[in-house]
N, C-alpha and C. Protein backbone atom coordinates (compact mmCIF):
# COMPACT_ATOMS: atom_id res chain seq x y z
N MET A 1 3.28 -19.97 11.28
CA MET A 1 3.64 -18.76 11.95
C MET A 1 3.48 -18.94 13.44
N LYS A 2 4.37 -18.56 14.23
CA LYS A 2 4.31 -18.71 15.69
C LYS A 2 3.20 -17.91 16.30
N THR A 3 2.74 -18.41 17.45
CA THR A 3 1.61 -17.79 18.15
C THR A 3 1.91 -16.32 18.45
N LEU A 4 3.16 -16.04 18.85
CA LEU A 4 3.56 -14.67 19.21
C LEU A 4 3.38 -13.77 17.99
N LYS A 5 3.79 -14.22 16.83
CA LYS A 5 3.72 -13.38 15.67
C LYS A 5 2.28 -13.06 15.33
N ILE A 6 1.41 -14.08 15.43
CA ILE A 6 0.03 -13.92 15.12
C ILE A 6 -0.57 -12.88 16.09
N THR A 7 -0.27 -13.04 17.36
CA THR A 7 -0.82 -12.13 18.38
C THR A 7 -0.39 -10.65 18.09
N ILE A 8 0.81 -10.48 17.75
CA ILE A 8 1.36 -9.14 17.45
C ILE A 8 0.58 -8.52 16.27
N LEU A 9 0.39 -9.35 15.26
CA LEU A 9 -0.20 -8.84 14.04
C LEU A 9 -1.70 -8.56 14.30
N VAL A 10 -2.42 -9.49 15.02
CA VAL A 10 -3.78 -9.27 15.27
C VAL A 10 -4.03 -7.95 16.12
N MET A 11 -3.18 -7.77 17.12
CA MET A 11 -3.32 -6.57 17.94
C MET A 11 -3.08 -5.26 17.11
N GLY A 12 -2.00 -5.32 16.35
CA GLY A 12 -1.69 -4.17 15.57
C GLY A 12 -2.74 -3.80 14.52
N LEU A 13 -3.17 -4.83 13.77
CA LEU A 13 -4.19 -4.59 12.74
C LEU A 13 -5.55 -4.27 13.32
N SER A 14 -5.90 -4.81 14.50
CA SER A 14 -7.14 -4.55 15.08
C SER A 14 -7.22 -3.04 15.44
N MET A 15 -6.13 -2.49 15.98
CA MET A 15 -6.11 -1.08 16.32
C MET A 15 -6.25 -0.21 15.06
N LEU A 16 -5.57 -0.55 14.00
CA LEU A 16 -5.65 0.25 12.80
C LEU A 16 -6.99 0.14 12.14
N SER A 17 -7.54 -1.09 12.10
CA SER A 17 -8.83 -1.31 11.39
C SER A 17 -9.97 -0.70 12.17
N SER A 18 -9.96 -0.73 13.50
CA SER A 18 -10.99 -0.17 14.32
C SER A 18 -11.18 1.31 14.09
N CYS A 19 -10.07 2.01 13.73
CA CYS A 19 -10.15 3.46 13.52
C CYS A 19 -11.00 3.78 12.34
N PHE A 20 -11.12 2.89 11.44
CA PHE A 20 -11.91 3.14 10.20
C PHE A 20 -13.26 2.35 10.26
N GLY A 21 -13.59 1.71 11.35
CA GLY A 21 -14.77 0.86 11.45
C GLY A 21 -14.69 -0.30 10.49
N ASP A 22 -13.50 -0.81 10.24
CA ASP A 22 -13.36 -1.83 9.14
C ASP A 22 -12.98 -3.13 9.74
N LYS A 23 -13.07 -3.30 11.07
CA LYS A 23 -12.63 -4.54 11.71
C LYS A 23 -13.63 -5.74 11.35
N LYS A 24 -13.04 -6.90 11.18
CA LYS A 24 -13.80 -8.05 10.82
C LYS A 24 -13.37 -9.23 11.71
N SER A 25 -14.35 -9.97 12.15
CA SER A 25 -14.05 -11.10 13.02
C SER A 25 -13.27 -12.16 12.22
N LEU A 26 -12.29 -12.82 12.91
CA LEU A 26 -11.53 -13.87 12.27
C LEU A 26 -12.22 -15.23 12.31
N ILE A 27 -13.36 -15.30 13.03
CA ILE A 27 -14.06 -16.54 13.19
C ILE A 27 -14.56 -17.03 11.80
N GLY A 28 -14.21 -18.27 11.49
CA GLY A 28 -14.56 -18.85 10.22
C GLY A 28 -13.62 -18.56 9.05
N SER A 29 -12.64 -17.76 9.33
CA SER A 29 -11.67 -17.38 8.25
C SER A 29 -10.63 -18.48 8.07
N ASP A 30 -10.33 -18.68 6.78
CA ASP A 30 -9.30 -19.70 6.42
C ASP A 30 -7.93 -19.04 6.29
N LEU A 31 -7.16 -19.02 7.41
CA LEU A 31 -5.92 -18.30 7.45
C LEU A 31 -4.81 -19.07 6.68
N GLY A 32 -5.12 -20.31 6.29
CA GLY A 32 -4.06 -21.12 5.54
C GLY A 32 -4.30 -20.93 4.02
N ASP A 33 -5.20 -20.16 3.60
CA ASP A 33 -5.50 -20.06 2.25
C ASP A 33 -4.39 -19.28 1.46
N THR A 34 -3.91 -19.86 0.38
CA THR A 34 -2.83 -19.12 -0.39
C THR A 34 -3.29 -19.04 -1.85
N SER A 35 -4.56 -19.20 -2.04
CA SER A 35 -5.03 -19.14 -3.47
C SER A 35 -4.94 -17.72 -4.08
N PHE A 36 -4.70 -16.73 -3.27
CA PHE A 36 -4.54 -15.33 -3.77
C PHE A 36 -3.22 -15.09 -4.45
N ILE A 37 -2.29 -15.95 -4.21
CA ILE A 37 -0.92 -15.78 -4.81
C ILE A 37 -1.03 -15.95 -6.33
N ASN A 38 -0.43 -15.01 -7.05
CA ASN A 38 -0.47 -14.99 -8.53
C ASN A 38 0.60 -16.01 -9.05
N LYS A 39 0.16 -17.14 -9.57
CA LYS A 39 1.04 -18.14 -10.04
C LYS A 39 1.63 -17.80 -11.42
N ASN A 40 1.09 -16.75 -12.01
CA ASN A 40 1.57 -16.28 -13.39
C ASN A 40 2.51 -15.03 -13.26
N PHE A 41 2.93 -14.76 -12.02
CA PHE A 41 3.90 -13.63 -11.83
C PHE A 41 5.23 -13.82 -12.68
N LYS A 42 5.58 -12.94 -13.45
CA LYS A 42 6.70 -13.07 -14.42
C LYS A 42 7.99 -12.33 -13.91
N GLY A 43 7.92 -11.74 -12.76
CA GLY A 43 9.10 -11.04 -12.22
C GLY A 43 8.92 -9.55 -12.17
N ASN A 44 9.85 -8.90 -11.52
CA ASN A 44 9.79 -7.44 -11.29
C ASN A 44 10.06 -6.66 -12.64
N LEU A 45 9.36 -5.56 -12.73
CA LEU A 45 9.67 -4.58 -13.72
C LEU A 45 10.71 -3.58 -13.25
N ILE A 46 10.65 -3.38 -11.90
CA ILE A 46 11.61 -2.47 -11.24
C ILE A 46 12.14 -3.21 -10.00
N ASP A 47 13.45 -3.29 -9.76
CA ASP A 47 13.94 -3.87 -8.59
C ASP A 47 14.16 -2.83 -7.54
N PHE A 48 14.04 -3.20 -6.27
CA PHE A 48 14.09 -2.29 -5.11
C PHE A 48 15.42 -1.56 -5.16
N LYS A 49 16.49 -2.23 -5.42
CA LYS A 49 17.81 -1.66 -5.37
C LYS A 49 18.05 -0.50 -6.41
N ASN A 50 17.16 -0.52 -7.45
CA ASN A 50 17.28 0.47 -8.54
C ASN A 50 16.48 1.74 -8.27
N VAL A 51 15.77 1.77 -7.18
CA VAL A 51 14.99 2.98 -6.87
C VAL A 51 15.76 3.78 -5.80
N GLN A 52 16.23 4.91 -6.22
CA GLN A 52 16.98 5.78 -5.33
C GLN A 52 16.05 6.87 -4.70
N ASP A 53 15.02 7.24 -5.44
CA ASP A 53 14.13 8.25 -5.02
C ASP A 53 12.73 7.90 -5.59
N VAL A 54 11.84 7.53 -4.76
CA VAL A 54 10.49 7.19 -5.18
C VAL A 54 9.80 8.38 -5.85
N CYS A 55 10.02 9.53 -5.33
CA CYS A 55 9.37 10.77 -5.90
C CYS A 55 9.77 10.95 -7.37
N ALA A 56 10.98 10.57 -7.70
CA ALA A 56 11.48 10.73 -9.08
C ALA A 56 10.69 9.89 -10.06
N LEU A 57 10.00 8.85 -9.62
CA LEU A 57 9.18 8.02 -10.47
C LEU A 57 7.80 8.59 -10.79
N ILE A 58 7.36 9.51 -9.92
CA ILE A 58 6.03 10.04 -10.01
C ILE A 58 5.97 11.11 -11.09
N LYS A 59 5.03 10.96 -11.97
CA LYS A 59 4.85 12.00 -13.02
C LYS A 59 3.55 12.79 -12.69
N GLU A 60 3.78 14.08 -12.48
CA GLU A 60 2.75 14.93 -11.98
C GLU A 60 1.54 14.99 -12.92
N ASP A 61 1.80 14.89 -14.20
CA ASP A 61 0.64 14.97 -15.15
C ASP A 61 -0.23 13.76 -15.08
N LYS A 62 0.39 12.58 -14.81
CA LYS A 62 -0.35 11.39 -14.66
C LYS A 62 -1.28 11.43 -13.45
N VAL A 63 -0.73 11.87 -12.34
CA VAL A 63 -1.52 11.95 -11.06
C VAL A 63 -2.61 13.06 -11.24
N ALA A 64 -2.31 14.12 -11.94
CA ALA A 64 -3.26 15.21 -12.13
C ALA A 64 -4.41 14.74 -12.93
N SER A 65 -4.19 13.83 -13.93
CA SER A 65 -5.27 13.32 -14.73
C SER A 65 -6.23 12.52 -13.94
N LEU A 66 -5.74 11.80 -12.91
CA LEU A 66 -6.62 10.95 -12.08
C LEU A 66 -7.53 11.79 -11.21
N TYR A 67 -7.16 13.01 -10.92
CA TYR A 67 -7.92 13.90 -10.05
C TYR A 67 -8.52 15.11 -10.76
N ASN A 68 -8.34 15.17 -12.08
CA ASN A 68 -8.93 16.21 -12.88
C ASN A 68 -8.50 17.60 -12.43
N VAL A 69 -7.14 17.70 -12.17
CA VAL A 69 -6.59 19.01 -11.82
C VAL A 69 -5.38 19.27 -12.72
N LYS A 70 -4.76 20.43 -12.58
CA LYS A 70 -3.54 20.77 -13.40
C LYS A 70 -2.34 20.11 -12.77
N SER A 71 -1.32 19.94 -13.64
CA SER A 71 -0.06 19.28 -13.21
C SER A 71 0.63 20.05 -12.07
N GLU A 72 0.47 21.39 -12.15
CA GLU A 72 1.11 22.25 -11.07
C GLU A 72 0.38 22.10 -9.75
N ASN A 73 -0.75 21.45 -9.67
CA ASN A 73 -1.41 21.20 -8.47
C ASN A 73 -0.92 19.95 -7.70
N ILE A 74 0.07 19.24 -8.32
CA ILE A 74 0.58 18.03 -7.71
C ILE A 74 1.98 18.38 -7.17
N ALA A 75 2.20 17.96 -5.94
CA ALA A 75 3.49 18.15 -5.26
C ALA A 75 3.93 16.87 -4.54
N THR A 76 5.26 16.63 -4.55
CA THR A 76 5.76 15.47 -3.89
C THR A 76 6.90 15.87 -2.93
N VAL A 77 6.92 15.11 -1.89
CA VAL A 77 8.02 15.38 -0.86
C VAL A 77 8.58 13.98 -0.49
N GLY A 78 9.89 13.86 -0.66
CA GLY A 78 10.38 12.55 -0.32
C GLY A 78 11.89 12.56 0.14
N LYS A 79 12.76 12.37 -0.77
CA LYS A 79 14.14 12.16 -0.48
C LYS A 79 14.71 13.33 0.42
N GLY A 80 15.27 12.97 1.55
CA GLY A 80 15.76 13.98 2.44
C GLY A 80 14.80 14.51 3.50
N LYS A 81 13.49 14.15 3.26
CA LYS A 81 12.46 14.65 4.15
C LYS A 81 11.74 13.50 4.99
N PHE A 82 11.73 12.31 4.42
CA PHE A 82 11.15 11.19 5.06
C PHE A 82 12.15 10.03 5.21
N VAL A 83 11.75 8.98 5.85
CA VAL A 83 12.62 7.83 6.04
C VAL A 83 13.08 7.30 4.67
N GLN A 84 14.32 7.26 4.49
CA GLN A 84 14.92 6.64 3.29
C GLN A 84 16.13 5.84 3.72
N ASN A 85 16.03 4.51 3.62
CA ASN A 85 17.17 3.69 4.05
C ASN A 85 17.18 2.39 3.27
N GLU A 86 17.96 1.43 3.79
CA GLU A 86 18.06 0.19 3.03
C GLU A 86 16.77 -0.58 3.05
N GLN A 87 15.87 -0.29 3.93
CA GLN A 87 14.62 -1.08 4.04
C GLN A 87 13.38 -0.37 3.62
N VAL A 88 13.31 0.97 3.71
CA VAL A 88 12.12 1.72 3.37
C VAL A 88 12.46 2.93 2.52
N LYS A 89 11.65 3.17 1.45
CA LYS A 89 11.79 4.30 0.59
C LYS A 89 10.36 4.85 0.35
N THR A 90 10.17 6.13 0.60
CA THR A 90 8.81 6.63 0.54
C THR A 90 8.73 8.06 -0.04
N CYS A 91 7.53 8.35 -0.47
CA CYS A 91 7.23 9.72 -1.05
C CYS A 91 5.83 10.11 -0.74
N LEU A 92 5.67 11.36 -0.18
CA LEU A 92 4.35 11.95 0.07
C LEU A 92 3.88 12.58 -1.23
N VAL A 93 2.63 12.33 -1.55
CA VAL A 93 1.95 12.95 -2.73
C VAL A 93 0.87 13.86 -2.31
N ARG A 94 0.85 15.05 -2.76
CA ARG A 94 -0.10 16.07 -2.37
C ARG A 94 -0.83 16.61 -3.62
N VAL A 95 -2.14 16.61 -3.53
CA VAL A 95 -2.98 17.06 -4.59
C VAL A 95 -3.75 18.30 -4.21
N SER A 96 -3.37 19.48 -4.70
CA SER A 96 -4.18 20.68 -4.36
C SER A 96 -5.38 20.74 -5.25
N LEU A 97 -6.59 20.98 -4.67
CA LEU A 97 -7.80 20.90 -5.42
C LEU A 97 -8.16 22.25 -6.06
N ASP A 98 -7.71 23.34 -5.42
CA ASP A 98 -8.05 24.64 -6.07
C ASP A 98 -6.90 25.66 -6.05
N GLY A 99 -5.69 25.10 -5.85
CA GLY A 99 -4.53 25.97 -5.86
C GLY A 99 -4.20 26.64 -4.53
N THR A 100 -4.98 26.43 -3.53
CA THR A 100 -4.80 27.01 -2.23
C THR A 100 -3.90 26.11 -1.39
N ASP A 101 -3.41 26.60 -0.25
CA ASP A 101 -2.58 25.81 0.65
C ASP A 101 -3.37 25.00 1.64
N TRP A 102 -4.68 25.12 1.68
CA TRP A 102 -5.44 24.35 2.72
C TRP A 102 -6.36 23.28 2.13
N ASN A 103 -6.78 23.44 0.87
CA ASN A 103 -7.71 22.53 0.26
C ASN A 103 -6.95 21.46 -0.57
N PHE A 104 -6.46 20.42 0.06
CA PHE A 104 -5.62 19.46 -0.62
C PHE A 104 -5.83 18.04 -0.12
N LEU A 105 -5.41 17.09 -0.85
CA LEU A 105 -5.46 15.67 -0.53
C LEU A 105 -4.04 15.18 -0.37
N THR A 106 -3.86 14.22 0.50
CA THR A 106 -2.58 13.66 0.67
C THR A 106 -2.62 12.13 0.59
N GLY A 107 -1.50 11.58 0.03
CA GLY A 107 -1.29 10.16 -0.09
C GLY A 107 0.14 9.86 0.02
N MET A 108 0.48 8.57 -0.19
CA MET A 108 1.85 8.12 0.02
C MET A 108 2.18 6.92 -0.90
N VAL A 109 3.39 6.89 -1.38
CA VAL A 109 3.93 5.78 -2.11
C VAL A 109 5.15 5.29 -1.33
N THR A 110 5.11 4.03 -0.91
CA THR A 110 6.21 3.48 -0.13
C THR A 110 6.70 2.09 -0.59
N LEU A 111 7.97 1.89 -0.54
CA LEU A 111 8.54 0.52 -0.82
C LEU A 111 9.12 -0.04 0.45
N PHE A 112 8.74 -1.27 0.78
CA PHE A 112 9.21 -1.95 1.94
C PHE A 112 10.07 -3.14 1.49
N LYS A 113 11.37 -3.16 1.75
CA LYS A 113 12.22 -4.25 1.36
C LYS A 113 11.90 -5.49 2.18
N GLU A 114 11.87 -6.62 1.53
CA GLU A 114 11.64 -7.84 2.18
C GLU A 114 12.78 -8.26 3.13
N VAL A 115 12.43 -8.67 4.31
CA VAL A 115 13.44 -8.98 5.37
C VAL A 115 13.61 -10.47 5.42
N LYS A 116 14.85 -10.90 5.37
CA LYS A 116 15.18 -12.35 5.43
C LYS A 116 14.90 -12.83 6.83
N ALA A 117 14.43 -14.09 6.94
CA ALA A 117 14.08 -14.70 8.18
C ALA A 117 15.24 -14.62 9.18
N SER A 118 16.45 -14.79 8.67
CA SER A 118 17.69 -14.77 9.52
C SER A 118 17.93 -13.40 10.11
N ASP A 119 17.36 -12.32 9.48
CA ASP A 119 17.57 -10.96 9.94
C ASP A 119 16.34 -10.43 10.69
N ASP A 120 15.39 -11.27 10.81
CA ASP A 120 14.04 -10.83 11.38
C ASP A 120 13.94 -11.21 12.85
N GLU A 121 14.62 -10.37 13.63
CA GLU A 121 14.67 -10.65 15.11
C GLU A 121 13.23 -10.56 15.69
N GLY A 122 12.79 -11.66 16.34
CA GLY A 122 11.48 -11.64 16.92
C GLY A 122 10.34 -11.92 15.92
N GLY A 123 10.68 -12.06 14.62
CA GLY A 123 9.67 -12.35 13.62
C GLY A 123 8.69 -11.18 13.35
N ILE A 124 9.08 -9.99 13.65
CA ILE A 124 8.20 -8.81 13.51
C ILE A 124 7.87 -8.54 12.04
N SER A 125 8.88 -8.58 11.17
CA SER A 125 8.71 -8.30 9.75
C SER A 125 7.77 -9.35 9.14
N GLU A 126 7.99 -10.59 9.51
CA GLU A 126 7.13 -11.66 9.04
C GLU A 126 5.66 -11.44 9.46
N ALA A 127 5.55 -11.05 10.73
CA ALA A 127 4.17 -10.82 11.30
C ALA A 127 3.36 -9.74 10.60
N VAL A 128 4.04 -8.73 10.04
CA VAL A 128 3.31 -7.64 9.34
C VAL A 128 3.36 -7.84 7.83
N GLY A 129 3.87 -9.01 7.36
CA GLY A 129 3.80 -9.31 5.92
C GLY A 129 4.99 -8.76 5.13
N GLN A 130 6.07 -8.38 5.84
CA GLN A 130 7.22 -7.84 5.09
C GLN A 130 8.46 -8.73 5.14
N GLY A 131 8.29 -9.97 5.66
CA GLY A 131 9.36 -10.87 5.74
C GLY A 131 9.30 -11.81 4.51
N GLU A 132 10.33 -12.69 4.41
CA GLU A 132 10.33 -13.56 3.20
C GLU A 132 9.26 -14.61 3.32
N ASN A 133 8.76 -14.89 4.52
CA ASN A 133 7.58 -15.76 4.70
C ASN A 133 6.39 -14.91 4.99
N TRP A 134 5.77 -14.33 3.92
CA TRP A 134 4.80 -13.28 3.99
C TRP A 134 3.36 -13.71 3.78
N GLU A 135 3.24 -14.99 3.22
CA GLU A 135 1.92 -15.36 2.78
C GLU A 135 0.79 -15.40 3.80
N GLU A 136 1.15 -15.95 5.02
CA GLU A 136 0.14 -16.11 6.05
C GLU A 136 -0.29 -14.77 6.61
N ALA A 137 0.67 -13.88 6.76
CA ALA A 137 0.37 -12.53 7.29
C ALA A 137 -0.59 -11.80 6.27
N TRP A 138 -0.38 -11.97 4.98
CA TRP A 138 -1.26 -11.27 4.03
C TRP A 138 -2.64 -11.85 4.07
N SER A 139 -2.69 -13.24 4.19
CA SER A 139 -3.99 -13.84 4.31
C SER A 139 -4.73 -13.37 5.56
N LEU A 140 -3.99 -13.14 6.66
CA LEU A 140 -4.59 -12.59 7.88
C LEU A 140 -5.10 -11.20 7.71
N LYS A 141 -4.29 -10.38 7.07
CA LYS A 141 -4.69 -8.98 6.80
C LYS A 141 -6.03 -8.88 6.08
N LYS A 142 -6.11 -9.75 5.04
CA LYS A 142 -7.36 -9.75 4.25
C LYS A 142 -8.47 -10.21 5.12
N SER A 143 -8.27 -11.19 5.90
CA SER A 143 -9.39 -11.75 6.74
C SER A 143 -9.89 -10.79 7.80
N MET A 144 -9.04 -9.85 8.20
CA MET A 144 -9.39 -8.93 9.31
C MET A 144 -10.12 -7.69 8.82
N SER A 145 -10.20 -7.45 7.55
CA SER A 145 -10.74 -6.19 7.03
C SER A 145 -12.03 -6.48 6.20
N LYS A 146 -13.13 -5.79 6.54
CA LYS A 146 -14.33 -6.01 5.79
C LYS A 146 -14.23 -5.32 4.36
N SER A 147 -13.35 -4.38 4.23
CA SER A 147 -13.24 -3.66 2.91
C SER A 147 -12.05 -4.13 2.05
N ALA A 148 -11.36 -5.18 2.55
CA ALA A 148 -10.25 -5.60 1.75
C ALA A 148 -10.60 -6.58 0.65
N LYS A 149 -9.98 -6.57 -0.42
CA LYS A 149 -10.24 -7.54 -1.56
C LYS A 149 -8.91 -7.79 -2.31
N TRP A 150 -8.84 -9.00 -2.77
CA TRP A 150 -7.67 -9.35 -3.58
C TRP A 150 -7.87 -8.82 -5.04
N ILE A 151 -6.74 -8.36 -5.58
CA ILE A 151 -6.66 -7.86 -6.98
C ILE A 151 -5.95 -8.95 -7.76
N PRO A 152 -6.66 -9.71 -8.62
CA PRO A 152 -5.97 -10.79 -9.29
C PRO A 152 -4.92 -10.35 -10.35
N ASN A 153 -3.93 -11.23 -10.53
CA ASN A 153 -2.96 -11.07 -11.65
C ASN A 153 -2.20 -9.77 -11.54
N VAL A 154 -1.93 -9.35 -10.35
CA VAL A 154 -1.04 -8.10 -10.18
C VAL A 154 0.05 -8.49 -9.21
N GLY A 155 1.31 -8.36 -9.64
CA GLY A 155 2.45 -8.77 -8.81
C GLY A 155 2.29 -10.23 -8.34
N LYS A 156 2.94 -10.53 -7.22
CA LYS A 156 2.83 -11.84 -6.64
C LYS A 156 1.53 -11.96 -5.92
N ALA A 157 1.04 -10.86 -5.43
CA ALA A 157 -0.26 -10.73 -4.78
C ALA A 157 -0.52 -9.29 -4.65
N ALA A 158 -1.83 -8.90 -4.64
CA ALA A 158 -2.21 -7.52 -4.51
C ALA A 158 -3.51 -7.46 -3.67
N LEU A 159 -3.44 -6.54 -2.60
CA LEU A 159 -4.57 -6.37 -1.72
C LEU A 159 -4.94 -4.93 -1.65
N PHE A 160 -6.27 -4.69 -1.92
CA PHE A 160 -6.72 -3.31 -1.84
C PHE A 160 -7.68 -3.25 -0.68
N THR A 161 -7.47 -2.20 0.20
CA THR A 161 -8.34 -2.00 1.40
C THR A 161 -9.02 -0.63 1.23
N SER A 162 -10.25 -0.60 0.82
CA SER A 162 -10.96 0.65 0.50
C SER A 162 -11.02 1.58 1.70
N ALA A 163 -11.17 1.08 2.88
CA ALA A 163 -11.30 1.93 4.05
C ALA A 163 -10.09 2.78 4.30
N LYS A 164 -8.96 2.29 3.74
CA LYS A 164 -7.68 3.03 3.91
C LYS A 164 -7.14 3.61 2.62
N ARG A 165 -7.90 3.40 1.52
CA ARG A 165 -7.49 3.88 0.18
C ARG A 165 -6.15 3.28 -0.14
N LYS A 166 -5.89 2.05 0.29
CA LYS A 166 -4.54 1.51 0.24
C LYS A 166 -4.48 0.26 -0.65
N LEU A 167 -3.46 0.31 -1.57
CA LEU A 167 -3.16 -0.81 -2.40
C LEU A 167 -1.79 -1.34 -2.05
N GLU A 168 -1.73 -2.68 -1.71
CA GLU A 168 -0.43 -3.30 -1.43
C GLU A 168 -0.11 -4.33 -2.49
N ILE A 169 1.05 -4.24 -3.09
CA ILE A 169 1.45 -5.17 -4.14
C ILE A 169 2.74 -5.84 -3.73
N LYS A 170 2.67 -7.16 -3.63
CA LYS A 170 3.87 -7.94 -3.27
C LYS A 170 4.66 -8.23 -4.55
N LEU A 171 5.88 -7.81 -4.53
CA LEU A 171 6.78 -8.02 -5.67
C LEU A 171 7.98 -8.88 -5.20
N GLU A 172 8.82 -9.21 -6.03
CA GLU A 172 10.00 -10.02 -5.72
C GLU A 172 10.97 -9.16 -4.89
N GLY A 173 11.08 -9.56 -3.60
CA GLY A 173 12.05 -8.86 -2.70
C GLY A 173 11.50 -7.63 -1.99
N TYR A 174 10.32 -7.20 -2.30
CA TYR A 174 9.77 -6.03 -1.60
C TYR A 174 8.21 -5.89 -1.82
N THR A 175 7.67 -4.94 -1.11
CA THR A 175 6.26 -4.62 -1.22
C THR A 175 6.10 -3.14 -1.65
N LEU A 176 5.22 -2.90 -2.59
CA LEU A 176 4.83 -1.61 -2.98
C LEU A 176 3.50 -1.25 -2.29
N GLU A 177 3.47 -0.14 -1.58
CA GLU A 177 2.21 0.31 -0.95
C GLU A 177 1.88 1.72 -1.38
N ILE A 178 0.71 1.82 -1.90
CA ILE A 178 0.20 3.09 -2.36
C ILE A 178 -1.09 3.45 -1.59
N VAL A 179 -1.01 4.58 -0.97
CA VAL A 179 -2.21 5.16 -0.34
C VAL A 179 -2.66 6.29 -1.21
N ALA A 180 -3.81 6.15 -1.86
CA ALA A 180 -4.29 7.17 -2.78
C ALA A 180 -4.52 8.50 -2.05
N PRO A 181 -4.09 9.64 -2.65
CA PRO A 181 -4.36 10.92 -2.04
C PRO A 181 -5.89 11.14 -1.81
N GLY A 182 -6.16 11.54 -0.55
CA GLY A 182 -7.57 11.69 -0.13
C GLY A 182 -7.65 12.51 1.08
N ALA A 183 -8.88 12.77 1.57
CA ALA A 183 -9.14 13.54 2.77
C ALA A 183 -10.35 12.92 3.42
N PRO A 184 -10.24 11.97 4.28
CA PRO A 184 -11.35 11.17 4.80
C PRO A 184 -12.30 11.97 5.64
N PHE A 185 -11.89 13.10 6.19
CA PHE A 185 -12.77 13.90 7.06
C PHE A 185 -13.34 15.15 6.31
N ASN A 186 -13.04 15.23 5.00
CA ASN A 186 -13.55 16.30 4.18
C ASN A 186 -14.86 15.88 3.57
N LYS A 187 -16.02 16.36 4.06
CA LYS A 187 -17.35 15.89 3.60
C LYS A 187 -17.54 16.10 2.07
N GLU A 188 -17.15 17.29 1.60
CA GLU A 188 -17.23 17.59 0.18
C GLU A 188 -16.47 16.63 -0.66
N GLU A 189 -15.24 16.33 -0.23
CA GLU A 189 -14.35 15.44 -0.98
C GLU A 189 -14.91 13.99 -0.92
N LYS A 190 -15.39 13.61 0.24
CA LYS A 190 -15.94 12.27 0.44
C LYS A 190 -17.17 12.04 -0.45
N ALA A 191 -17.94 13.08 -0.66
CA ALA A 191 -19.15 13.01 -1.48
C ALA A 191 -18.91 12.72 -2.93
N LYS A 192 -17.65 12.92 -3.37
CA LYS A 192 -17.28 12.73 -4.76
C LYS A 192 -17.15 11.19 -5.01
N ASN A 193 -17.01 10.40 -3.98
CA ASN A 193 -17.01 8.95 -4.10
C ASN A 193 -16.00 8.51 -5.17
N ARG A 194 -14.81 8.94 -5.03
CA ARG A 194 -13.72 8.62 -6.00
C ARG A 194 -13.45 7.07 -5.95
N ASP A 195 -13.10 6.56 -7.13
CA ASP A 195 -12.73 5.13 -7.24
C ASP A 195 -11.28 4.98 -6.91
N PHE A 196 -10.95 4.80 -5.59
CA PHE A 196 -9.59 4.80 -5.17
C PHE A 196 -8.92 3.47 -5.60
N GLU A 197 -9.63 2.41 -5.80
CA GLU A 197 -9.05 1.21 -6.26
C GLU A 197 -8.47 1.42 -7.72
N LYS A 198 -9.28 2.07 -8.53
CA LYS A 198 -8.83 2.38 -9.90
C LYS A 198 -7.65 3.35 -9.83
N ILE A 199 -7.71 4.33 -8.97
CA ILE A 199 -6.67 5.31 -8.86
C ILE A 199 -5.29 4.64 -8.45
N THR A 200 -5.36 3.81 -7.43
CA THR A 200 -4.09 3.25 -6.92
C THR A 200 -3.51 2.21 -7.95
N LEU A 201 -4.38 1.51 -8.60
CA LEU A 201 -3.90 0.58 -9.64
C LEU A 201 -3.23 1.37 -10.81
N GLN A 202 -3.83 2.48 -11.18
CA GLN A 202 -3.26 3.29 -12.29
C GLN A 202 -1.98 3.90 -11.85
N MET A 203 -1.88 4.33 -10.61
CA MET A 203 -0.66 4.90 -10.06
C MET A 203 0.46 3.92 -10.11
N ALA A 204 0.09 2.64 -9.80
CA ALA A 204 1.10 1.56 -9.78
C ALA A 204 1.66 1.31 -11.20
N ARG A 205 0.75 1.40 -12.15
CA ARG A 205 1.14 1.27 -13.55
C ARG A 205 1.99 2.45 -14.09
N ASP A 206 1.54 3.66 -13.70
CA ASP A 206 2.17 4.90 -14.14
C ASP A 206 3.60 5.01 -13.52
N LEU A 207 3.72 4.45 -12.32
CA LEU A 207 5.09 4.41 -11.66
C LEU A 207 5.99 3.42 -12.32
N GLY A 208 5.44 2.46 -13.04
CA GLY A 208 6.23 1.45 -13.75
C GLY A 208 6.43 0.16 -13.04
N PHE A 209 5.74 -0.04 -11.92
CA PHE A 209 5.93 -1.27 -11.19
C PHE A 209 5.11 -2.49 -11.69
N VAL A 210 4.00 -2.21 -12.37
CA VAL A 210 3.17 -3.25 -13.02
C VAL A 210 2.69 -2.76 -14.32
N LYS A 211 2.24 -3.72 -15.11
CA LYS A 211 1.70 -3.39 -16.43
C LYS A 211 0.15 -3.19 -16.33
């Protein structure tokens, strides 16, 4: 990866990580490590081109069971409201905790299409791990976060960052990103100490992207 790409990624991730107190020094990190790549990946269960509306994949009863609420407490907002194009498809997931309009958790499910090197002007997509040469950027993301961990045998690679409640799964031709519904500044909610790693993995399964 070119020095410019590394610099862009380091600066961007440093700003994001520092917001959560999750920044980790790169000193001593092996940025060339690719052992996290799943050599047993068998291929996609869902192709990017076949997803017209991410929200249509979400089953309210499945999400409700993860948060111990009723199905009617789950709402999604996506097609026509957020960015939906040839590269990005997304859906906002909202979990109402008590049926009111103010006590709720928010999360997101997003698909990022892999960008070919020939279409990646300036190497920006590669730098953030969304290009066809994605491995080094993913290794760097893991190295920069104290709360990040590899999830073995999921997709081509899977990275969960607990500080952000975020699961990233690299699939053939795109990345699935799930941010579990939460409210980081709600003390009562934070005290519940939910297992967001388990929640995001189950959401990925319920959506049909992984087994």
